[in-house]
Amino acid sequence: MPDSGRKSHRDYPWTGCGSDKDLAGCRFSLYPLDNRYAKIVLGALAKVDVSKIFSQTDALSTVYRGRLGQVFDCLSALFVHSYRENLHVCLEAQAMLGCPGDDDTDQPPPADDLIVNRKGLLGQDFLVKAKLALYPLGLADYLPIIAEAFDLAKNADLKPKIIHYATMIEGPVLKVFDYLQDVSAMAQGKVSHHALHFTVSVNSPTGK
């Protein structure tokens, strides 16, 4: 028979990958809407204490990998450090846990669950808006998990609103990031692999 040109699953780069270290990961891009964007982005990245996680920045984005709480600790710190009064800033991110294509080679086992950035962020209460879409993978009946994420937002008083293909929330910055972490932790307890795509925005000119 002629070769169809299709690869078998054994030919793909992620074949044989997978992590046994309970690692969470998030790939993100930060967008300050300002002509000083490079200084703001690089400055914010430099201020985050990434001693507890793996961090790598390339031409398109940055990845954080480690324990779930430590990854979100660094994400919230990054966004707070990028904040400027009246400056529109967006963080576009995708967090993931349980990816079968993950790799342990660049991340040693986390030694502890210590959160190292939060103390320096206390008192930051500027308001943000966010949208999120949760994808529980490998499960046919996934809607109850998405509904639970919506209920978590209601219980956190983040004013959840269903929009096309996502949920919109709003509230104090640290509360929003804590909620996003809670959603990922909840999904972790339900499915072996999930993805959480979210956008956090502050000072949007269309915020009203």
N, C-alpha and C. Protein backbone atom coordinates (compact mmCIF):
# COMPACT_ATOMS: atom_id res chain seq x y z
N MET A 1 0.84 -1.20 0.00
CA MET A 1 0.00 0.00 0.00
C MET A 1 0.88 1.25 0.00
N PRO A 2 0.42 2.32 -0.68
CA PRO A 2 1.22 3.55 -0.69
C PRO A 2 1.23 4.20 0.68
N ASP A 3 2.31 4.92 0.99
CA ASP A 3 2.44 5.63 2.26
C ASP A 3 1.47 6.80 2.27
N SER A 4 0.62 6.87 3.27
CA SER A 4 -0.37 7.94 3.35
C SER A 4 0.25 9.27 3.76
N GLY A 5 1.48 9.20 4.25
CA GLY A 5 2.12 10.43 4.71
C GLY A 5 1.83 10.74 6.17
N ARG A 6 0.94 9.98 6.79
CA ARG A 6 0.62 10.22 8.19
C ARG A 6 1.66 9.56 9.09
N LYS A 7 2.00 10.25 10.16
CA LYS A 7 2.92 9.69 11.14
C LYS A 7 2.14 8.85 12.15
N SER A 8 2.77 7.79 12.60
CA SER A 8 2.19 7.08 13.74
C SER A 8 2.48 7.88 15.00
N HIS A 9 1.74 7.58 16.07
CA HIS A 9 1.94 8.33 17.30
C HIS A 9 3.36 8.14 17.84
N ARG A 10 4.05 7.10 17.43
CA ARG A 10 5.40 6.84 17.93
C ARG A 10 6.43 7.77 17.31
N ASP A 11 6.05 8.49 16.26
CA ASP A 11 7.00 9.35 15.57
C ASP A 11 7.02 10.78 16.11
N TYR A 12 6.12 11.11 17.03
CA TYR A 12 6.02 12.49 17.47
C TYR A 12 7.05 12.81 18.55
N PRO A 13 7.45 14.09 18.66
CA PRO A 13 8.51 14.45 19.61
C PRO A 13 8.15 14.17 21.07
N TRP A 14 6.84 14.16 21.40
CA TRP A 14 6.46 13.97 22.80
C TRP A 14 6.28 12.51 23.18
N THR A 15 6.51 11.60 22.25
CA THR A 15 6.37 10.18 22.55
C THR A 15 7.32 9.78 23.68
N GLY A 16 6.80 9.12 24.69
CA GLY A 16 7.61 8.68 25.82
C GLY A 16 7.80 9.72 26.89
N CYS A 17 7.22 10.92 26.68
CA CYS A 17 7.34 11.97 27.68
C CYS A 17 6.29 11.76 28.76
N GLY A 18 6.30 12.66 29.72
CA GLY A 18 5.37 12.58 30.83
C GLY A 18 6.12 12.87 32.11
N SER A 19 5.46 13.54 33.05
CA SER A 19 6.10 13.91 34.30
C SER A 19 5.50 13.12 35.45
N ASP A 20 6.35 12.70 36.36
CA ASP A 20 5.85 12.04 37.57
C ASP A 20 6.10 12.91 38.80
N LYS A 21 6.31 14.19 38.59
CA LYS A 21 6.65 15.09 39.69
C LYS A 21 5.52 16.04 40.07
N ASP A 22 4.31 15.80 39.56
CA ASP A 22 3.16 16.63 39.91
C ASP A 22 3.43 18.10 39.60
N LEU A 23 3.97 18.34 38.40
CA LEU A 23 4.35 19.70 38.03
C LEU A 23 3.21 20.43 37.33
N ALA A 24 3.05 21.68 37.69
CA ALA A 24 2.16 22.57 36.95
C ALA A 24 3.03 23.44 36.06
N GLY A 25 2.45 23.90 34.97
CA GLY A 25 3.19 24.79 34.09
C GLY A 25 2.29 25.89 33.56
N CYS A 26 2.87 27.02 33.24
CA CYS A 26 2.10 28.10 32.64
C CYS A 26 2.99 28.82 31.63
N ARG A 27 2.49 28.95 30.41
CA ARG A 27 3.18 29.74 29.39
C ARG A 27 2.38 31.01 29.17
N PHE A 28 3.06 32.15 29.18
CA PHE A 28 2.34 33.42 29.16
C PHE A 28 3.12 34.48 28.41
N SER A 29 2.38 35.51 28.02
CA SER A 29 2.96 36.72 27.44
C SER A 29 2.33 37.92 28.12
N LEU A 30 3.16 38.91 28.42
CA LEU A 30 2.72 40.12 29.10
C LEU A 30 2.73 41.27 28.10
N TYR A 31 1.62 42.03 28.08
CA TYR A 31 1.48 43.10 27.08
C TYR A 31 1.16 44.43 27.76
N PRO A 32 2.17 45.24 28.08
CA PRO A 32 1.90 46.62 28.51
C PRO A 32 1.66 47.47 27.26
N LEU A 33 0.55 48.18 27.22
CA LEU A 33 0.21 48.99 26.05
C LEU A 33 0.89 50.35 26.18
N ASP A 34 2.20 50.35 25.95
CA ASP A 34 3.02 51.53 26.18
C ASP A 34 4.30 51.38 25.37
N ASN A 35 4.86 52.50 24.92
CA ASN A 35 6.08 52.40 24.13
C ASN A 35 7.30 52.01 24.97
N ARG A 36 7.13 51.92 26.28
CA ARG A 36 8.20 51.43 27.18
C ARG A 36 8.02 49.94 27.47
N TYR A 37 7.31 49.23 26.59
CA TYR A 37 6.90 47.87 26.92
C TYR A 37 8.07 46.95 27.26
N ALA A 38 9.19 47.07 26.55
CA ALA A 38 10.31 46.17 26.81
C ALA A 38 10.85 46.38 28.22
N LYS A 39 10.99 47.62 28.62
CA LYS A 39 11.49 47.94 29.96
C LYS A 39 10.52 47.43 31.02
N ILE A 40 9.22 47.58 30.78
CA ILE A 40 8.22 47.14 31.77
C ILE A 40 8.20 45.62 31.88
N VAL A 41 8.20 44.93 30.74
CA VAL A 41 8.15 43.46 30.75
C VAL A 41 9.40 42.90 31.41
N LEU A 42 10.57 43.32 30.95
CA LEU A 42 11.81 42.77 31.48
C LEU A 42 12.00 43.17 32.94
N GLY A 43 11.55 44.37 33.29
CA GLY A 43 11.65 44.79 34.68
C GLY A 43 10.78 43.96 35.60
N ALA A 44 9.56 43.67 35.15
CA ALA A 44 8.65 42.85 35.95
C ALA A 44 9.20 41.44 36.11
N LEU A 45 9.70 40.85 35.02
CA LEU A 45 10.27 39.51 35.10
C LEU A 45 11.44 39.47 36.08
N ALA A 46 12.26 40.49 36.08
CA ALA A 46 13.44 40.52 36.95
C ALA A 46 13.07 40.64 38.42
N LYS A 47 11.93 41.23 38.72
CA LYS A 47 11.53 41.43 40.12
C LYS A 47 10.90 40.20 40.75
N VAL A 48 10.51 39.22 39.92
CA VAL A 48 9.86 38.02 40.46
C VAL A 48 10.92 37.07 41.00
N ASP A 49 10.71 36.59 42.21
CA ASP A 49 11.58 35.58 42.81
C ASP A 49 11.18 34.22 42.25
N VAL A 50 11.99 33.69 41.35
CA VAL A 50 11.68 32.40 40.70
C VAL A 50 12.56 31.28 41.25
N SER A 51 13.05 31.45 42.46
CA SER A 51 13.97 30.47 43.05
C SER A 51 13.31 29.12 43.28
N LYS A 52 11.97 29.08 43.36
CA LYS A 52 11.28 27.82 43.64
C LYS A 52 10.74 27.14 42.38
N ILE A 53 10.91 27.77 41.22
CA ILE A 53 10.34 27.22 39.99
C ILE A 53 11.38 27.24 38.88
N PHE A 54 11.03 26.61 37.76
CA PHE A 54 11.79 26.74 36.53
C PHE A 54 11.20 27.89 35.73
N SER A 55 12.05 28.75 35.20
CA SER A 55 11.61 29.90 34.41
C SER A 55 12.47 30.02 33.17
N GLN A 56 11.81 30.23 32.03
CA GLN A 56 12.56 30.39 30.78
C GLN A 56 11.79 31.33 29.86
N THR A 57 12.47 32.34 29.36
CA THR A 57 11.88 33.32 28.46
C THR A 57 12.48 33.17 27.07
N ASP A 58 11.62 33.18 26.05
CA ASP A 58 12.11 33.15 24.68
C ASP A 58 11.55 34.35 23.92
N ALA A 59 11.64 34.33 22.61
CA ALA A 59 11.23 35.48 21.80
C ALA A 59 9.73 35.73 21.85
N LEU A 60 8.94 34.73 22.21
CA LEU A 60 7.49 34.86 22.16
C LEU A 60 6.81 34.89 23.51
N SER A 61 7.40 34.24 24.51
CA SER A 61 6.69 34.07 25.77
C SER A 61 7.64 33.61 26.87
N THR A 62 7.09 33.42 28.05
CA THR A 62 7.83 32.90 29.19
C THR A 62 7.08 31.70 29.74
N VAL A 63 7.83 30.71 30.23
CA VAL A 63 7.20 29.57 30.88
C VAL A 63 7.66 29.50 32.33
N TYR A 64 6.71 29.24 33.23
CA TYR A 64 6.99 28.93 34.63
C TYR A 64 6.55 27.49 34.87
N ARG A 65 7.39 26.69 35.57
CA ARG A 65 7.03 25.31 35.89
C ARG A 65 7.44 24.99 37.31
N GLY A 66 6.55 24.31 38.04
CA GLY A 66 6.85 23.93 39.41
C GLY A 66 5.58 23.50 40.12
N ARG A 67 5.56 23.61 41.43
CA ARG A 67 4.36 23.34 42.19
C ARG A 67 3.29 24.37 41.84
N LEU A 68 2.04 23.94 41.86
CA LEU A 68 0.95 24.81 41.41
C LEU A 68 0.94 26.15 42.16
N GLY A 69 1.00 26.10 43.48
CA GLY A 69 0.96 27.33 44.27
C GLY A 69 2.13 28.24 44.00
N GLN A 70 3.30 27.67 43.76
CA GLN A 70 4.48 28.48 43.50
C GLN A 70 4.44 29.11 42.11
N VAL A 71 3.87 28.39 41.14
CA VAL A 71 3.71 28.96 39.81
C VAL A 71 2.77 30.17 39.85
N PHE A 72 1.62 30.03 40.52
CA PHE A 72 0.68 31.15 40.58
C PHE A 72 1.19 32.27 41.47
N ASP A 73 2.00 31.96 42.46
CA ASP A 73 2.66 33.00 43.25
C ASP A 73 3.52 33.88 42.35
N CYS A 74 4.27 33.25 41.45
CA CYS A 74 5.12 34.02 40.54
C CYS A 74 4.30 34.79 39.50
N LEU A 75 3.23 34.18 39.01
CA LEU A 75 2.38 34.88 38.04
C LEU A 75 1.76 36.14 38.63
N SER A 76 1.23 36.02 39.85
CA SER A 76 0.62 37.20 40.46
C SER A 76 1.67 38.27 40.72
N ALA A 77 2.87 37.87 41.12
CA ALA A 77 3.94 38.84 41.35
C ALA A 77 4.31 39.55 40.05
N LEU A 78 4.41 38.79 38.97
CA LEU A 78 4.74 39.40 37.68
C LEU A 78 3.73 40.48 37.30
N PHE A 79 2.43 40.16 37.45
CA PHE A 79 1.42 41.13 37.04
C PHE A 79 1.45 42.36 37.94
N VAL A 80 1.61 42.16 39.24
CA VAL A 80 1.68 43.30 40.15
C VAL A 80 2.88 44.18 39.81
N HIS A 81 4.02 43.57 39.52
CA HIS A 81 5.22 44.35 39.21
C HIS A 81 5.11 45.08 37.87
N SER A 82 4.21 44.64 37.01
CA SER A 82 4.03 45.33 35.73
C SER A 82 3.05 46.50 35.84
N TYR A 83 2.37 46.59 36.96
CA TYR A 83 1.29 47.59 37.11
C TYR A 83 1.85 49.01 37.15
N ARG A 84 1.20 49.87 36.39
CA ARG A 84 1.43 51.31 36.46
C ARG A 84 0.06 51.99 36.47
N GLU A 85 -0.08 53.03 37.24
CA GLU A 85 -1.37 53.73 37.31
C GLU A 85 -1.76 54.22 35.92
N ASN A 86 -2.97 53.90 35.52
CA ASN A 86 -3.57 54.32 34.24
C ASN A 86 -2.94 53.65 33.01
N LEU A 87 -2.06 52.68 33.20
CA LEU A 87 -1.47 51.98 32.07
C LEU A 87 -2.23 50.68 31.83
N HIS A 88 -2.66 50.46 30.60
CA HIS A 88 -3.36 49.24 30.23
C HIS A 88 -2.35 48.12 30.05
N VAL A 89 -2.50 47.06 30.85
CA VAL A 89 -1.63 45.90 30.79
C VAL A 89 -2.48 44.64 30.71
N CYS A 90 -2.08 43.69 29.85
CA CYS A 90 -2.76 42.40 29.74
C CYS A 90 -1.75 41.28 29.93
N LEU A 91 -2.20 40.24 30.60
CA LEU A 91 -1.45 39.00 30.70
C LEU A 91 -2.26 37.91 30.01
N GLU A 92 -1.68 37.29 29.01
CA GLU A 92 -2.34 36.19 28.28
C GLU A 92 -1.60 34.91 28.64
N ALA A 93 -2.33 33.92 29.18
CA ALA A 93 -1.64 32.76 29.76
C ALA A 93 -2.42 31.48 29.55
N GLN A 94 -1.67 30.38 29.54
CA GLN A 94 -2.28 29.06 29.54
C GLN A 94 -1.56 28.21 30.58
N ALA A 95 -2.30 27.81 31.62
CA ALA A 95 -1.76 26.95 32.66
C ALA A 95 -2.18 25.52 32.39
N MET A 96 -1.33 24.58 32.77
CA MET A 96 -1.60 23.18 32.47
C MET A 96 -1.04 22.30 33.57
N LEU A 97 -1.74 21.21 33.83
CA LEU A 97 -1.25 20.23 34.79
C LEU A 97 -1.63 18.84 34.30
N GLY A 98 -0.66 17.93 34.31
CA GLY A 98 -0.91 16.56 33.89
C GLY A 98 -0.69 16.30 32.41
N CYS A 99 -0.04 17.21 31.71
CA CYS A 99 0.17 17.03 30.27
C CYS A 99 1.02 15.79 30.01
N PRO A 100 0.54 14.86 29.19
CA PRO A 100 1.32 13.65 28.91
C PRO A 100 2.57 13.94 28.08
N GLY A 101 2.65 15.12 27.48
CA GLY A 101 3.83 15.50 26.73
C GLY A 101 4.83 16.29 27.55
N ASP A 102 4.61 16.41 28.87
CA ASP A 102 5.51 17.16 29.74
C ASP A 102 6.85 16.43 29.85
N ASP A 103 7.83 17.11 30.42
CA ASP A 103 9.18 16.58 30.49
C ASP A 103 9.79 16.97 31.83
N ASP A 104 10.45 16.03 32.49
CA ASP A 104 11.06 16.30 33.79
C ASP A 104 12.48 16.84 33.69
N THR A 105 13.06 16.87 32.51
CA THR A 105 14.50 17.07 32.42
C THR A 105 14.96 18.44 32.90
N ASP A 106 14.14 19.48 32.79
CA ASP A 106 14.60 20.82 33.16
C ASP A 106 14.05 21.28 34.51
N GLN A 107 13.46 20.38 35.29
CA GLN A 107 12.86 20.80 36.54
C GLN A 107 13.17 19.78 37.63
N PRO A 108 14.03 20.12 38.61
CA PRO A 108 14.26 19.21 39.72
C PRO A 108 13.01 19.09 40.58
N PRO A 109 12.89 18.03 41.36
CA PRO A 109 11.72 17.89 42.24
C PRO A 109 11.65 19.07 43.21
N PRO A 110 10.51 19.74 43.33
CA PRO A 110 10.41 20.86 44.27
C PRO A 110 10.72 20.39 45.69
N ALA A 111 11.52 21.17 46.38
CA ALA A 111 11.94 20.78 47.73
C ALA A 111 10.87 21.05 48.77
N ASP A 112 10.00 22.03 48.51
CA ASP A 112 8.99 22.40 49.50
C ASP A 112 7.87 23.17 48.79
N ASP A 113 6.89 23.60 49.57
CA ASP A 113 5.76 24.36 49.03
C ASP A 113 5.84 25.84 49.40
N LEU A 114 7.01 26.32 49.77
CA LEU A 114 7.15 27.68 50.26
C LEU A 114 6.77 28.70 49.18
N ILE A 115 5.93 29.66 49.57
CA ILE A 115 5.53 30.76 48.69
C ILE A 115 6.42 31.96 49.00
N VAL A 116 7.16 32.44 48.02
CA VAL A 116 8.21 33.43 48.32
C VAL A 116 7.88 34.85 47.87
N ASN A 117 6.86 35.04 47.04
CA ASN A 117 6.58 36.38 46.53
C ASN A 117 5.43 37.08 47.25
N ARG A 118 4.49 36.33 47.83
CA ARG A 118 3.24 36.92 48.30
C ARG A 118 3.45 38.00 49.37
N LYS A 119 4.38 37.81 50.28
CA LYS A 119 4.56 38.79 51.35
C LYS A 119 4.83 40.19 50.79
N GLY A 120 5.59 40.26 49.72
CA GLY A 120 5.91 41.55 49.13
C GLY A 120 4.79 42.16 48.32
N LEU A 121 3.71 41.40 48.11
CA LEU A 121 2.58 41.88 47.31
C LEU A 121 1.40 42.32 48.16
N LEU A 122 1.44 42.02 49.45
CA LEU A 122 0.30 42.34 50.31
C LEU A 122 0.03 43.83 50.30
N GLY A 123 -1.25 44.17 50.25
CA GLY A 123 -1.66 45.57 50.16
C GLY A 123 -1.96 46.01 48.75
N GLN A 124 -1.59 45.20 47.77
CA GLN A 124 -1.93 45.50 46.37
C GLN A 124 -3.37 45.05 46.12
N ASP A 125 -4.25 46.01 45.91
CA ASP A 125 -5.67 45.68 45.77
C ASP A 125 -6.30 46.33 44.54
N PHE A 126 -5.48 46.70 43.55
CA PHE A 126 -6.07 47.32 42.36
C PHE A 126 -6.97 46.30 41.65
N LEU A 127 -8.00 46.83 41.02
CA LEU A 127 -9.01 45.98 40.41
C LEU A 127 -8.61 45.55 39.00
N VAL A 128 -8.91 44.30 38.68
CA VAL A 128 -8.63 43.77 37.35
C VAL A 128 -9.87 43.06 36.82
N LYS A 129 -9.91 42.89 35.53
CA LYS A 129 -10.89 42.04 34.88
C LYS A 129 -10.16 40.85 34.28
N ALA A 130 -10.83 39.73 34.19
CA ALA A 130 -10.21 38.55 33.61
C ALA A 130 -11.26 37.72 32.89
N LYS A 131 -10.81 36.96 31.93
CA LYS A 131 -11.67 35.94 31.32
C LYS A 131 -10.91 34.63 31.39
N LEU A 132 -11.66 33.54 31.50
CA LEU A 132 -11.01 32.25 31.60
C LEU A 132 -11.85 31.20 30.88
N ALA A 133 -11.16 30.18 30.39
CA ALA A 133 -11.80 29.02 29.80
C ALA A 133 -11.07 27.79 30.32
N LEU A 134 -11.81 26.89 30.96
CA LEU A 134 -11.24 25.68 31.54
C LEU A 134 -11.51 24.50 30.62
N TYR A 135 -10.48 23.70 30.38
CA TYR A 135 -10.60 22.54 29.50
C TYR A 135 -10.19 21.28 30.27
N PRO A 136 -11.15 20.56 30.85
CA PRO A 136 -10.84 19.26 31.47
C PRO A 136 -10.71 18.23 30.34
N LEU A 137 -9.53 17.63 30.20
CA LEU A 137 -9.24 16.78 29.06
C LEU A 137 -9.42 15.29 29.40
N GLY A 138 -9.86 14.54 28.40
CA GLY A 138 -10.02 13.11 28.58
C GLY A 138 -11.26 12.71 29.32
N LEU A 139 -12.25 13.60 29.36
CA LEU A 139 -13.47 13.33 30.11
C LEU A 139 -14.66 13.74 29.26
N ALA A 140 -15.59 12.82 29.04
CA ALA A 140 -16.75 13.13 28.20
C ALA A 140 -17.71 14.08 28.92
N ASP A 141 -17.95 13.85 30.19
CA ASP A 141 -18.91 14.66 30.95
C ASP A 141 -18.15 15.75 31.71
N TYR A 142 -17.70 16.77 30.98
CA TYR A 142 -16.84 17.80 31.56
C TYR A 142 -17.59 19.02 32.09
N LEU A 143 -18.85 19.20 31.70
CA LEU A 143 -19.57 20.42 32.07
C LEU A 143 -19.72 20.61 33.58
N PRO A 144 -19.93 19.56 34.38
CA PRO A 144 -20.01 19.78 35.83
C PRO A 144 -18.73 20.40 36.42
N ILE A 145 -17.58 20.10 35.84
CA ILE A 145 -16.34 20.69 36.34
C ILE A 145 -16.29 22.17 36.00
N ILE A 146 -16.73 22.52 34.80
CA ILE A 146 -16.78 23.94 34.40
C ILE A 146 -17.79 24.69 35.26
N ALA A 147 -18.91 24.05 35.56
CA ALA A 147 -19.91 24.67 36.44
C ALA A 147 -19.34 24.90 37.83
N GLU A 148 -18.53 23.96 38.31
CA GLU A 148 -17.93 24.14 39.64
C GLU A 148 -16.96 25.33 39.64
N ALA A 149 -16.24 25.51 38.54
CA ALA A 149 -15.36 26.67 38.44
C ALA A 149 -16.16 27.97 38.49
N PHE A 150 -17.33 27.98 37.84
CA PHE A 150 -18.20 29.16 37.87
C PHE A 150 -18.67 29.41 39.30
N ASP A 151 -19.05 28.35 40.01
CA ASP A 151 -19.52 28.51 41.39
C ASP A 151 -18.41 29.01 42.30
N LEU A 152 -17.18 28.58 42.05
CA LEU A 152 -16.06 29.09 42.83
C LEU A 152 -15.93 30.61 42.68
N ALA A 153 -16.16 31.11 41.46
CA ALA A 153 -16.10 32.56 41.24
C ALA A 153 -17.23 33.27 41.96
N LYS A 154 -18.42 32.68 41.96
CA LYS A 154 -19.55 33.28 42.69
C LYS A 154 -19.24 33.33 44.18
N ASN A 155 -18.72 32.25 44.71
CA ASN A 155 -18.43 32.19 46.15
C ASN A 155 -17.32 33.15 46.54
N ALA A 156 -16.44 33.47 45.61
CA ALA A 156 -15.36 34.41 45.86
C ALA A 156 -15.77 35.85 45.60
N ASP A 157 -17.05 36.06 45.23
CA ASP A 157 -17.59 37.39 44.95
C ASP A 157 -16.81 38.09 43.83
N LEU A 158 -16.53 37.33 42.75
CA LEU A 158 -15.81 37.87 41.61
C LEU A 158 -16.73 38.18 40.43
N LYS A 159 -18.03 38.21 40.70
CA LYS A 159 -19.04 38.64 39.72
C LYS A 159 -18.91 37.89 38.38
N PRO A 160 -18.94 36.57 38.40
CA PRO A 160 -18.77 35.83 37.14
C PRO A 160 -19.91 36.08 36.17
N LYS A 161 -19.56 36.16 34.93
CA LYS A 161 -20.53 36.39 33.86
C LYS A 161 -20.15 35.52 32.67
N ILE A 162 -21.11 34.77 32.15
CA ILE A 162 -20.86 33.94 30.99
C ILE A 162 -20.81 34.82 29.75
N ILE A 163 -19.72 34.70 28.99
CA ILE A 163 -19.60 35.37 27.70
C ILE A 163 -19.32 34.28 26.66
N HIS A 164 -19.32 34.63 25.40
CA HIS A 164 -19.07 33.62 24.38
C HIS A 164 -17.72 32.94 24.62
N TYR A 165 -17.75 31.62 24.83
CA TYR A 165 -16.57 30.76 24.91
C TYR A 165 -15.70 30.99 26.15
N ALA A 166 -16.21 31.72 27.15
CA ALA A 166 -15.40 31.99 28.34
C ALA A 166 -16.29 32.50 29.47
N THR A 167 -15.68 32.67 30.63
CA THR A 167 -16.31 33.32 31.77
C THR A 167 -15.52 34.57 32.11
N MET A 168 -16.22 35.68 32.35
CA MET A 168 -15.57 36.91 32.74
C MET A 168 -15.72 37.11 34.24
N ILE A 169 -14.66 37.59 34.89
CA ILE A 169 -14.71 37.89 36.32
C ILE A 169 -14.03 39.23 36.55
N GLU A 170 -14.23 39.78 37.74
CA GLU A 170 -13.54 41.01 38.11
C GLU A 170 -13.40 41.08 39.61
N GLY A 171 -12.30 41.71 40.06
CA GLY A 171 -12.06 41.84 41.49
C GLY A 171 -10.64 42.29 41.76
N PRO A 172 -10.25 42.35 43.05
CA PRO A 172 -8.87 42.72 43.41
C PRO A 172 -7.87 41.74 42.82
N VAL A 173 -6.72 42.24 42.43
CA VAL A 173 -5.77 41.46 41.65
C VAL A 173 -5.36 40.16 42.32
N LEU A 174 -5.00 40.19 43.60
CA LEU A 174 -4.53 38.96 44.24
C LEU A 174 -5.67 37.97 44.42
N LYS A 175 -6.87 38.47 44.64
CA LYS A 175 -8.03 37.60 44.76
C LYS A 175 -8.31 36.88 43.44
N VAL A 176 -8.14 37.57 42.34
CA VAL A 176 -8.35 36.96 41.02
C VAL A 176 -7.32 35.86 40.77
N PHE A 177 -6.06 36.12 41.06
CA PHE A 177 -5.04 35.09 40.84
C PHE A 177 -5.23 33.91 41.79
N ASP A 178 -5.66 34.18 43.02
CA ASP A 178 -5.95 33.07 43.94
C ASP A 178 -7.09 32.21 43.40
N TYR A 179 -8.09 32.86 42.82
CA TYR A 179 -9.19 32.10 42.24
C TYR A 179 -8.73 31.24 41.07
N LEU A 180 -7.90 31.79 40.20
CA LEU A 180 -7.40 31.02 39.07
C LEU A 180 -6.62 29.79 39.56
N GLN A 181 -5.84 29.97 40.60
CA GLN A 181 -5.14 28.82 41.18
C GLN A 181 -6.14 27.80 41.75
N ASP A 182 -7.18 28.29 42.40
CA ASP A 182 -8.19 27.39 42.97
C ASP A 182 -8.89 26.58 41.87
N VAL A 183 -9.15 27.22 40.74
CA VAL A 183 -9.78 26.51 39.62
C VAL A 183 -8.87 25.38 39.14
N SER A 184 -7.59 25.67 38.99
CA SER A 184 -6.67 24.65 38.53
C SER A 184 -6.54 23.52 39.55
N ALA A 185 -6.51 23.87 40.83
CA ALA A 185 -6.42 22.85 41.88
C ALA A 185 -7.68 21.98 41.89
N MET A 186 -8.85 22.61 41.72
CA MET A 186 -10.09 21.86 41.66
C MET A 186 -10.09 20.89 40.49
N ALA A 187 -9.66 21.36 39.31
CA ALA A 187 -9.63 20.51 38.14
C ALA A 187 -8.62 19.37 38.30
N GLN A 188 -7.52 19.65 38.98
CA GLN A 188 -6.52 18.62 39.22
C GLN A 188 -7.12 17.43 39.98
N GLY A 189 -8.05 17.73 40.88
CA GLY A 189 -8.67 16.67 41.65
C GLY A 189 -9.73 15.90 40.90
N LYS A 190 -10.10 16.37 39.71
CA LYS A 190 -11.17 15.73 38.93
C LYS A 190 -10.65 14.95 37.72
N VAL A 191 -9.62 15.47 37.07
CA VAL A 191 -9.11 14.84 35.85
C VAL A 191 -7.59 14.80 35.91
N SER A 192 -7.00 13.90 35.13
CA SER A 192 -5.54 13.76 35.14
C SER A 192 -4.84 14.85 34.34
N HIS A 193 -5.57 15.49 33.41
CA HIS A 193 -4.96 16.49 32.54
C HIS A 193 -5.98 17.59 32.28
N HIS A 194 -5.59 18.83 32.53
CA HIS A 194 -6.48 19.95 32.22
C HIS A 194 -5.65 21.14 31.76
N ALA A 195 -6.30 22.04 31.06
CA ALA A 195 -5.69 23.30 30.65
C ALA A 195 -6.62 24.43 31.07
N LEU A 196 -6.03 25.52 31.49
CA LEU A 196 -6.78 26.71 31.89
C LEU A 196 -6.21 27.90 31.13
N HIS A 197 -7.00 28.42 30.21
CA HIS A 197 -6.57 29.58 29.43
C HIS A 197 -7.21 30.82 30.03
N PHE A 198 -6.41 31.86 30.28
CA PHE A 198 -6.97 33.05 30.90
C PHE A 198 -6.24 34.31 30.45
N THR A 199 -6.97 35.41 30.54
CA THR A 199 -6.46 36.75 30.26
C THR A 199 -6.78 37.63 31.46
N VAL A 200 -5.79 38.34 31.97
CA VAL A 200 -6.00 39.30 33.06
C VAL A 200 -5.66 40.68 32.51
N SER A 201 -6.53 41.64 32.79
CA SER A 201 -6.38 42.98 32.22
C SER A 201 -6.62 44.04 33.29
N VAL A 202 -5.83 45.11 33.24
CA VAL A 202 -6.04 46.23 34.14
C VAL A 202 -6.01 47.52 33.32
N ASN A 203 -6.85 48.46 33.72
CA ASN A 203 -6.90 49.79 33.10
C ASN A 203 -7.27 49.75 31.62
N SER A 204 -8.10 48.81 31.23
CA SER A 204 -8.56 48.78 29.85
C SER A 204 -9.41 49.99 29.53
N PRO A 205 -9.18 50.64 28.39
CA PRO A 205 -10.03 51.78 28.03
C PRO A 205 -11.47 51.37 27.74
N THR A 206 -11.71 50.08 27.53
CA THR A 206 -13.06 49.58 27.33
C THR A 206 -13.58 48.89 28.59
N GLY A 207 -12.96 49.18 29.71
CA GLY A 207 -13.31 48.52 30.97
C GLY A 207 -14.71 48.77 31.44
N LYS A 208 -15.31 49.86 31.04
CA LYS A 208 -16.68 50.18 31.47
C LYS A 208 -17.71 49.44 30.64
